[in-house]
């Protein structure tokens, strides 16, 4: 990786010849403390969990979170740290606390440097972040599949960014770290070594960004975005990944009996979990946003080459139906129970928006206001026409208190992606206190 390091240093020094100098001389300490209480009720009816043989997933859940951060700035130096805590209220799970950020920043010339544990995102997209290689998978200690930037975990890294007339050149290095169990619980998860070189520039009003990174594989990506008139914004992203691991299952024929009439063995299908490597994967996002005076609308199309295409996914769905039918005919057969369990594992291992190749995202919301916020989100799998509807309303008319209500429901065929785990609907109330 020496070539990548040397290339980053060369580009930063070269671009520095066109940069000026800016200094600030101020000192201040700011902090933010927020506490979130969430109560949710979900109704599940998964086709891969007949009779709740793997346990019931429906019911009430609750959690209590807090978020604290503090920043000290003096002249060209600043320090920032944030910490989050999480407690499952209903299930009495163990309390979790984690230092999510702790880094120092220094500004000199037109160079901004920081080192420590930090969160980094570099995308305007809502569904996926192909260009954001430093956080390709998001670690939310609440163990939600939905991504929450505030409650995600940063990584230990060093960053260097140069601002100049030629654009912004950045380099990040993440060292390989592994910790004991106690340290992991409170300080940081393990992380693999990773390096990234990025460049962004405004070209005639079009924001353009390029990035390349390497950990165990190469990743490359590009992003462009621009505004059209007073109300429209359009953006596009593309990414190349050298290798991706895809989780699936395979069918093997095993001997389950002997036919004395035909004098031959009886074979039955048995499922087993698989991990397949998909090479040379491309991802792309095309999106547009309308920001009007009465409402805003965002639309995005997401192409994910690592997923199954329409024919492959139809075959998988038909296979699931057949194994469920076999279970219904012989529910006490251990082989049928094991096959249904493998299908449950497949559904739980693959994250939403990873299974197939074509997705759409639509968000309608009212303009930001001081008190009332409304949004309606639709996420749609374009291959099996399953999806999720999310309705949310929040009110912040009180001092330091925000109340949010959310209602979700999944739709589609019972064997389609969003219905596979069986959620019919869920409702949540979130109470946020700020200090």
Protein backbone atom coordinates (compact mmCIF):
# COMPACT_ATOMS: atom_id res chain seq x y z
CA UNK A 1 0.00 0.00 0.00
CA UNK A 2 3.05 2.27 -0.14
CA UNK A 3 2.04 3.38 -3.65
CA UNK A 4 -1.32 4.65 -2.40
CA UNK A 5 0.32 6.52 0.50
CA UNK A 6 2.95 8.13 -1.75
CA UNK A 7 0.31 9.09 -4.34
CA UNK A 8 -1.77 10.76 -1.64
CA UNK A 9 1.22 12.73 -0.34
CA UNK A 10 2.22 13.83 -3.85
CA UNK A 11 -1.27 15.07 -4.73
CA UNK A 12 -1.64 16.96 -1.45
CA UNK A 13 1.73 18.71 -1.81
CA UNK A 14 1.06 19.56 -5.46
CA UNK A 15 -2.37 21.01 -4.82
CA UNK A 16 -0.98 22.98 -1.89
CA UNK A 17 0.88 25.25 -4.31
CA UNK A 18 -2.50 26.71 -5.33
CA UNK A 19 -3.89 27.14 -1.81
CA UNK A 20 -4.07 30.12 0.48
CA UNK A 21 -3.93 30.43 4.26
CA UNK A 22 -6.77 30.80 6.76
CA UNK A 23 -6.57 30.89 10.55
CA UNK A 24 -9.11 31.22 13.36
CA UNK A 25 -8.38 32.32 16.90
CA UNK A 26 -11.31 31.42 19.10
CA UNK A 27 -11.80 29.19 22.09
CA UNK A 28 -15.05 27.56 23.16
CA UNK A 29 -16.51 24.42 24.69
CA UNK A 30 -19.90 23.09 23.61
CA UNK A 31 -21.78 19.96 24.59
CA UNK A 32 -24.96 18.10 23.72
CA UNK A 33 -26.81 15.54 25.81
CA UNK A 34 -29.94 13.75 24.59
CA UNK A 35 -31.96 10.89 26.04
CA UNK A 36 -34.32 8.79 23.89
CA UNK A 37 -37.06 6.50 25.14
CA UNK A 38 -38.55 4.28 22.41
CA UNK A 39 -41.55 1.99 22.80
CA UNK A 40 -42.50 -0.21 19.84
CA UNK A 41 -45.03 -2.89 19.06
CA UNK A 42 -44.60 -5.17 16.04
CA UNK A 43 -46.82 -7.85 14.54
CA UNK A 44 -45.00 -10.70 12.76
CA UNK A 45 -46.37 -13.64 10.80
CA UNK A 46 -43.43 -15.18 8.90
CA UNK A 47 -44.06 -18.01 6.46
CA UNK A 48 -40.68 -19.46 7.47
CA UNK A 49 -41.74 -19.74 11.12
CA UNK A 50 -44.91 -21.87 10.99
CA UNK A 51 -46.56 -22.22 14.37
CA UNK A 52 -43.76 -20.14 15.91
CA UNK A 53 -41.47 -23.17 15.99
CA UNK A 54 -38.49 -20.82 16.22
CA UNK A 55 -40.10 -18.54 18.79
CA UNK A 56 -42.51 -15.61 18.61
CA UNK A 57 -41.23 -12.30 17.22
CA UNK A 58 -44.38 -10.25 17.79
CA UNK A 59 -44.95 -8.05 20.77
CA UNK A 60 -43.75 -5.02 22.66
CA UNK A 61 -40.14 -3.88 22.80
CA UNK A 62 -38.62 -0.83 24.39
CA UNK A 63 -35.21 0.74 24.69
CA UNK A 64 -33.59 3.65 26.42
CA UNK A 65 -30.69 5.43 24.72
CA UNK A 66 -28.59 8.40 25.55
CA UNK A 67 -26.21 10.37 23.41
CA UNK A 68 -23.53 12.73 24.74
CA UNK A 69 -20.95 14.71 22.85
CA UNK A 70 -18.59 17.53 23.68
CA UNK A 71 -16.32 19.74 21.61
CA UNK A 72 -13.50 22.03 22.69
CA UNK A 73 -11.99 24.44 20.15
CA UNK A 74 -9.14 26.87 20.56
CA UNK A 75 -7.47 28.48 17.57
CA UNK A 76 -6.52 25.79 15.09
CA UNK A 77 -7.06 22.93 17.56
CA UNK A 78 -10.26 21.11 18.47
CA UNK A 79 -11.14 18.00 20.44
CA UNK A 80 -14.40 16.09 20.11
CA UNK A 81 -15.80 13.02 21.84
CA UNK A 82 -19.19 11.30 21.91
CA UNK A 83 -20.57 8.42 23.93
CA UNK A 84 -23.78 6.42 23.66
CA UNK A 85 -25.57 4.07 26.00
CA UNK A 86 -28.31 1.55 25.26
CA UNK A 87 -30.66 -0.47 27.44
CA UNK A 88 -33.44 -2.85 26.36
CA UNK A 89 -36.24 -1.91 28.73
CA UNK A 90 -38.72 -4.72 28.10
CA UNK A 91 -36.38 -7.70 27.75
CA UNK A 92 -33.95 -6.59 30.52
CA UNK A 93 -30.94 -7.14 28.28
CA UNK A 94 -27.51 -6.11 29.60
CA UNK A 95 -26.76 -2.41 29.54
CA UNK A 96 -24.40 -1.34 26.73
CA UNK A 97 -22.15 1.71 26.69
CA UNK A 98 -19.74 2.61 23.91
CA UNK A 99 -17.36 5.44 23.10
CA UNK A 100 -18.35 6.23 19.51
CA UNK A 101 -15.99 9.14 18.77
CA UNK A 102 -12.86 10.62 20.33
CA UNK A 103 -10.53 12.53 18.04
CA UNK A 104 -8.35 15.62 17.78
CA UNK A 105 -8.35 17.99 14.79
CA UNK A 106 -5.72 20.47 13.70
CA UNK A 107 -5.92 23.14 11.00
CA UNK A 108 -2.81 24.58 9.41
CA UNK A 109 -2.31 26.28 6.07
CA UNK A 110 -5.29 24.91 4.09
CA UNK A 111 -4.81 21.43 5.51
CA UNK A 112 -7.21 19.85 8.00
CA UNK A 113 -5.90 16.84 9.91
CA UNK A 114 -7.52 14.68 12.57
CA UNK A 115 -6.71 11.45 14.36
CA UNK A 116 -8.68 9.22 16.68
CA UNK A 117 -12.02 7.46 16.57
CA UNK A 118 -14.33 9.20 14.08
CA UNK A 119 -17.46 8.70 11.97
CA UNK A 120 -17.15 9.49 8.28
CA UNK A 121 -19.87 9.62 5.63
CA UNK A 122 -19.49 11.06 2.16
CA UNK A 123 -22.74 10.53 0.30
CA UNK A 124 -25.95 12.38 -0.44
CA UNK A 125 -27.91 9.14 -0.86
CA UNK A 126 -30.46 7.69 1.54
CA UNK A 127 -30.58 4.01 0.59
CA UNK A 128 -26.92 3.05 0.28
CA UNK A 129 -23.56 4.76 0.44
CA UNK A 130 -21.37 3.13 -2.26
CA UNK A 131 -18.72 5.85 -2.14
CA UNK A 132 -18.43 5.68 1.64
CA UNK A 133 -15.88 2.90 1.92
CA UNK A 134 -14.78 3.79 5.43
CA UNK A 135 -18.13 2.72 6.84
CA UNK A 136 -19.33 0.18 4.33
CA UNK A 137 -21.38 -1.57 7.01
CA UNK A 138 -22.92 0.38 9.84
CA UNK A 139 -22.56 -0.72 13.43
CA UNK A 140 -25.52 0.54 15.44
CA UNK A 141 -25.35 -0.74 19.01
CA UNK A 142 -29.14 -0.84 19.07
CA UNK A 143 -28.72 -3.65 16.50
CA UNK A 144 -31.27 -2.13 14.18
CA UNK A 145 -30.99 -2.85 10.47
CA UNK A 146 -32.04 0.73 9.82
CA UNK A 147 -29.06 3.05 9.68
CA UNK A 148 -28.84 5.78 12.33
CA UNK A 149 -25.82 8.03 11.93
CA UNK A 150 -26.02 9.41 15.46
CA UNK A 151 -25.95 5.97 17.07
CA UNK A 152 -23.38 4.42 14.74
CA UNK A 153 -19.83 3.66 15.78
CA UNK A 154 -16.78 5.41 14.38
CA UNK A 155 -13.41 3.86 13.65
CA UNK A 156 -9.91 4.67 14.76
CA UNK A 157 -8.23 6.43 11.87
CA UNK A 158 -6.05 9.28 10.69
CA UNK A 159 -7.39 11.76 8.11
CA UNK A 160 -5.75 14.47 6.05
CA UNK A 161 -7.71 16.89 3.81
CA UNK A 162 -6.37 19.74 1.72
CA UNK A 163 -8.67 22.52 0.47
CA UNK A 164 -7.39 24.40 -2.57
CA UNK A 165 -8.43 26.02 -5.82
CA UNK A 166 -7.86 22.65 -7.48
CA UNK A 167 -10.39 20.92 -5.25
CA UNK A 168 -10.27 18.91 -2.03
CA UNK A 169 -7.86 16.02 -1.71
CA UNK A 170 -8.20 13.66 1.23
CA UNK A 171 -6.47 10.58 2.58
CA UNK A 172 -7.58 8.28 5.41
CA UNK A 173 -5.79 5.40 7.09
CA UNK A 174 -7.49 2.88 9.37
CA UNK A 175 -5.10 0.59 11.28
CA UNK A 176 -5.93 -2.99 12.09
CA UNK A 177 -7.09 -3.27 15.69
CA UNK A 178 -8.46 -6.05 17.83
CA UNK A 179 -9.38 -5.81 21.49
CA UNK A 180 -10.24 -7.96 24.47
CA UNK A 181 -13.90 -8.57 25.18
CA UNK A 182 -14.07 -5.92 27.92
CA UNK A 183 -12.38 -3.30 25.75
CA UNK A 184 -14.61 -4.11 22.79
CA UNK A 185 -17.73 -3.62 24.89
CA UNK A 186 -16.82 -0.08 25.95
CA UNK A 187 -14.17 1.27 23.59
CA UNK A 188 -14.35 -0.13 20.08
CA UNK A 189 -15.18 -3.05 17.86
CA UNK A 190 -12.38 -4.76 15.99
CA UNK A 191 -11.43 -3.20 12.67
CA UNK A 192 -9.45 -4.26 9.61
CA UNK A 193 -6.69 -2.14 8.07
CA UNK A 194 -7.97 0.14 5.33
CA UNK A 195 -6.74 3.08 3.26
CA UNK A 196 -8.69 5.55 1.17
CA UNK A 197 -7.76 8.31 -1.25
CA UNK A 198 -10.49 10.75 -2.31
CA UNK A 199 -10.84 13.87 -4.40
CA UNK A 200 -13.75 16.28 -4.83
CA UNK A 201 -14.15 19.43 -6.91
CA UNK A 202 -16.87 21.77 -8.13
CA UNK A 203 -16.95 21.83 -11.94
CA UNK A 204 -19.21 24.61 -13.24
CA UNK A 205 -21.70 24.10 -10.43
CA UNK A 206 -21.52 20.28 -10.48
CA UNK A 207 -20.11 18.72 -7.30
CA UNK A 208 -17.90 15.79 -8.28
CA UNK A 209 -16.18 13.26 -6.02
CA UNK A 210 -13.91 10.28 -6.67
CA UNK A 211 -12.62 7.71 -4.18
CA UNK A 212 -10.48 4.58 -4.12
CA UNK A 213 -9.77 2.38 -1.11
CA UNK A 214 -8.14 -0.91 -0.21
CA UNK A 215 -8.57 -3.24 2.74
CA UNK A 216 -8.68 -6.85 1.60
CA UNK A 217 -10.27 -5.79 -1.70
CA UNK A 218 -10.23 -2.74 -3.97
CA UNK A 219 -13.20 -0.37 -3.99
CA UNK A 220 -13.66 2.58 -6.33
CA UNK A 221 -16.50 5.06 -6.60
CA UNK A 222 -17.68 8.36 -8.03
CA UNK A 223 -20.41 10.83 -7.12
CA UNK A 224 -21.87 13.85 -8.90
CA UNK A 225 -24.65 16.22 -7.82
CA UNK A 226 -25.97 19.57 -8.95
CA UNK A 227 -28.96 21.88 -8.56
CA UNK A 228 -31.31 22.84 -11.38
CA UNK A 229 -33.12 26.11 -10.88
CA UNK A 230 -34.51 26.95 -7.46
CA UNK A 231 -36.26 23.69 -6.65
CA UNK A 232 -34.48 20.66 -8.13
CA UNK A 233 -31.37 18.70 -7.24
CA UNK A 234 -30.07 15.63 -9.08
CA UNK A 235 -27.33 13.21 -8.07
CA UNK A 236 -25.72 9.98 -9.21
CA UNK A 237 -23.27 7.53 -7.68
CA UNK A 238 -21.39 4.55 -8.97
CA UNK A 239 -19.12 2.05 -7.23
CA UNK A 240 -16.89 -0.88 -8.12
CA UNK A 241 -16.07 -3.58 -5.56
CA UNK A 242 -13.50 -6.24 -6.31
CA UNK A 243 -15.23 -8.96 -4.25
CA UNK A 244 -18.40 -9.30 -2.17
CA UNK A 245 -19.54 -12.20 0.01
CA UNK A 246 -23.12 -13.26 -0.66
CA UNK A 247 -24.97 -15.53 1.76
CA UNK A 248 -27.26 -18.17 0.35
CA UNK A 249 -28.16 -21.84 0.56
CA UNK A 250 -27.69 -24.95 -1.55
CA UNK A 251 -29.65 -28.17 -1.91
CA UNK A 252 -28.00 -31.57 -1.41
CA UNK A 253 -29.67 -34.94 -1.89
CA UNK A 254 -29.19 -37.25 1.12
CA UNK A 255 -30.29 -40.82 1.82
CA UNK A 256 -33.39 -40.86 4.03
CA UNK A 257 -34.63 -44.42 3.47
CA UNK A 258 -34.61 -47.57 1.35
CA UNK A 259 -37.24 -48.82 -1.11
CA UNK A 260 -37.40 -52.65 -0.78
CA UNK A 261 -39.52 -52.97 -3.93
CA UNK A 262 -37.18 -51.06 -6.21
CA UNK A 263 -34.16 -52.09 -4.17
CA UNK A 264 -32.73 -48.59 -4.11
CA UNK A 265 -32.11 -45.74 -1.73
CA UNK A 266 -34.64 -42.95 -1.18
CA UNK A 267 -33.14 -39.48 -1.49
CA UNK A 268 -34.51 -36.26 0.00
CA UNK A 269 -33.33 -32.67 -0.36
CA UNK A 270 -31.41 -31.07 2.50
CA UNK A 271 -30.47 -27.39 2.66
CA UNK A 272 -27.17 -26.03 3.89
CA UNK A 273 -25.92 -22.46 4.30
CA UNK A 274 -23.39 -21.12 1.80
CA UNK A 275 -21.10 -18.13 1.39
CA UNK A 276 -20.38 -17.28 -2.24
CA UNK A 277 -17.82 -14.78 -3.49
CA UNK A 278 -19.15 -12.46 -6.19
CA UNK A 279 -16.35 -10.71 -8.08
CA UNK A 280 -16.29 -7.39 -9.95
CA UNK A 281 -19.48 -5.98 -8.45
CA UNK A 282 -20.97 -2.67 -9.61
CA UNK A 283 -23.50 -0.53 -7.77
CA UNK A 284 -25.22 2.65 -8.94
CA UNK A 285 -27.72 5.21 -7.68
CA UNK A 286 -29.66 7.81 -9.66
CA UNK A 287 -31.70 10.33 -7.72
CA UNK A 288 -33.55 13.62 -7.86
CA UNK A 289 -35.06 15.93 -5.23
CA UNK A 290 -37.76 18.57 -5.51
CA UNK A 291 -37.80 21.12 -2.69
CA UNK A 292 -40.97 23.19 -2.97
CA UNK A 293 -42.54 25.67 -0.62
CA UNK A 294 -45.30 23.25 0.43
CA UNK A 295 -43.48 19.89 0.32
CA UNK A 296 -40.32 18.05 -0.75
CA UNK A 297 -40.02 14.85 -2.79
CA UNK A 298 -36.94 12.67 -3.25
CA UNK A 299 -36.73 9.74 -5.67
CA UNK A 300 -33.84 7.30 -6.05
CA UNK A 301 -33.20 4.21 -8.16
CA UNK A 302 -30.62 1.80 -6.75
CA UNK A 303 -28.90 -0.91 -8.82
CA UNK A 304 -27.08 -3.58 -6.81
CA UNK A 305 -25.20 -6.09 -8.95
CA UNK A 306 -24.36 -8.32 -5.96
CA UNK A 307 -28.05 -9.24 -5.54
CA UNK A 308 -30.07 -11.89 -7.36
CA UNK A 309 -31.64 -10.98 -10.68
CA UNK A 310 -35.34 -11.49 -11.35
CA UNK A 311 -35.10 -15.11 -12.59
CA UNK A 312 -32.74 -16.19 -9.80
CA UNK A 313 -34.93 -14.63 -7.14
CA UNK A 314 -38.08 -16.22 -8.58
CA UNK A 315 -36.38 -19.64 -8.43
CA UNK A 316 -35.38 -19.05 -4.80
CA UNK A 317 -38.93 -18.02 -3.89
CA UNK A 318 -40.39 -21.11 -5.58
CA UNK A 319 -37.89 -23.28 -3.72
CA UNK A 320 -39.00 -21.71 -0.43
CA UNK A 321 -42.63 -22.50 -1.22
CA UNK A 322 -41.74 -26.14 -1.94
CA UNK A 323 -39.84 -26.59 1.32
CA UNK A 324 -42.64 -24.97 3.30
CA UNK A 325 -45.11 -27.33 1.57
CA UNK A 326 -42.95 -30.30 2.54
CA UNK A 327 -42.96 -29.11 6.14
CA UNK A 328 -46.76 -28.73 6.11
CA UNK A 329 -47.08 -32.35 4.91
CA UNK A 330 -44.67 -33.69 7.56
CA UNK A 331 -44.25 -31.08 10.33
CA UNK A 332 -42.58 -33.53 12.72
CA UNK A 333 -39.90 -34.59 10.24
CA UNK A 334 -36.53 -33.31 11.58
CA UNK A 335 -35.27 -32.87 8.01
CA UNK A 336 -38.15 -30.55 7.13
CA UNK A 337 -37.66 -28.57 10.35
CA UNK A 338 -33.95 -28.20 9.55
CA UNK A 339 -34.69 -27.01 6.01
CA UNK A 340 -37.12 -24.36 7.26
CA UNK A 341 -34.46 -23.29 9.78
CA UNK A 342 -31.89 -22.86 7.00
CA UNK A 343 -34.34 -20.66 5.10
CA UNK A 344 -34.89 -18.57 8.24
CA UNK A 345 -31.12 -18.19 8.52
CA UNK A 346 -30.94 -17.06 4.90
CA UNK A 347 -33.65 -14.46 5.46
CA UNK A 348 -32.01 -13.16 8.62
CA UNK A 349 -28.44 -13.08 7.28
CA UNK A 350 -29.19 -11.05 4.14
CA UNK A 351 -29.89 -7.41 4.89
CA UNK A 352 -32.74 -5.58 3.23
CA UNK A 353 -31.63 -4.05 -0.12
CA UNK A 354 -28.92 -6.71 -0.53
CA UNK A 355 -31.05 -9.63 -1.77
CA UNK A 356 -32.02 -8.35 -5.23
CA UNK A 357 -30.66 -5.95 -7.82
CA UNK A 358 -33.27 -3.23 -8.46
CA UNK A 359 -34.79 -0.93 -5.84
CA UNK A 360 -36.61 2.39 -5.63
CA UNK A 361 -36.85 4.91 -2.79
CA UNK A 362 -39.39 7.72 -2.48
CA UNK A 363 -39.66 10.23 0.34
CA UNK A 364 -42.31 12.93 0.66
CA UNK A 365 -41.96 15.42 3.51
CA UNK A 366 -43.02 18.86 4.56
CA UNK A 367 -40.43 21.67 4.59
CA UNK A 368 -38.40 21.84 7.83
CA UNK A 369 -40.20 23.82 10.50
CA UNK A 370 -39.53 24.62 14.11
CA UNK A 371 -42.34 22.43 15.45
CA UNK A 372 -44.01 19.90 13.16
CA UNK A 373 -42.29 17.42 10.87
CA UNK A 374 -44.09 14.97 8.57
CA UNK A 375 -42.66 12.35 6.21
CA UNK A 376 -43.85 9.41 4.11
CA UNK A 377 -41.22 6.95 2.84
CA UNK A 378 -41.66 4.09 0.39
CA UNK A 379 -38.91 1.50 -0.21
CA UNK A 380 -39.68 -0.85 -3.10
CA UNK A 381 -38.06 -3.99 -4.50
CA UNK A 382 -38.67 -3.62 -8.24
CA UNK A 383 -38.17 -7.34 -8.90
CA UNK A 384 -40.86 -8.84 -6.67
CA UNK A 385 -42.80 -5.60 -5.94
CA UNK A 386 -42.48 -5.97 -2.19
CA UNK A 387 -41.64 -3.03 0.00
CA UNK A 388 -42.02 -1.01 3.14
CA UNK A 389 -44.09 2.06 3.98
CA UNK A 390 -42.89 4.36 6.76
CA UNK A 391 -45.01 7.19 8.12
CA UNK A 392 -43.51 9.55 10.66
CA UNK A 393 -44.68 12.65 12.51
CA UNK A 394 -42.63 14.62 15.04
CA UNK A 395 -43.43 17.61 17.22
CA UNK A 396 -40.81 19.81 18.92
CA UNK A 397 -42.91 22.69 20.21
CA UNK A 398 -41.70 22.22 23.78
CA UNK A 399 -38.34 23.29 25.20
CA UNK A 400 -35.75 20.54 24.68
CA UNK A 401 -38.43 17.88 24.13
CA UNK A 402 -39.42 16.17 20.86
CA UNK A 403 -42.15 13.58 20.46
CA UNK A 404 -42.07 11.32 17.38
CA UNK A 405 -44.56 8.73 16.22
CA UNK A 406 -43.80 6.18 13.49
CA UNK A 407 -45.95 3.57 11.75
CA UNK A 408 -44.48 0.98 9.34
CA UNK A 409 -45.94 -1.85 7.33
CA UNK A 410 -44.49 -4.25 4.77
CA UNK A 411 -46.31 -5.34 1.63
CA UNK A 412 -45.91 -7.94 -1.09
CA UNK A 413 -46.16 -11.68 -1.53
CA UNK A 414 -45.40 -13.64 1.70
CA UNK A 415 -42.27 -15.06 0.02
CA UNK A 416 -41.03 -11.70 -1.28
CA UNK A 417 -38.07 -9.90 0.26
CA UNK A 418 -39.78 -7.46 2.63
CA UNK A 419 -42.40 -10.00 3.78
CA UNK A 420 -40.00 -12.89 4.19
CA UNK A 421 -39.40 -12.24 7.88
CA UNK A 422 -43.10 -11.75 8.31
CA UNK A 423 -43.59 -8.23 9.62
CA UNK A 424 -47.16 -7.14 9.09
CA UNK A 425 -46.85 -3.77 10.81
CA UNK A 426 -45.10 -1.94 13.63
CA UNK A 427 -45.71 1.26 15.57
CA UNK A 428 -43.28 3.27 17.68
CA UNK A 429 -43.32 6.28 19.97
CA UNK A 430 -40.03 8.08 20.62
CA UNK A 431 -39.60 10.68 23.34
CA UNK A 432 -36.42 12.77 23.11
CA UNK A 433 -35.08 14.96 25.93
CA UNK A 434 -32.29 17.43 25.27
CA UNK A 435 -30.09 18.98 27.94
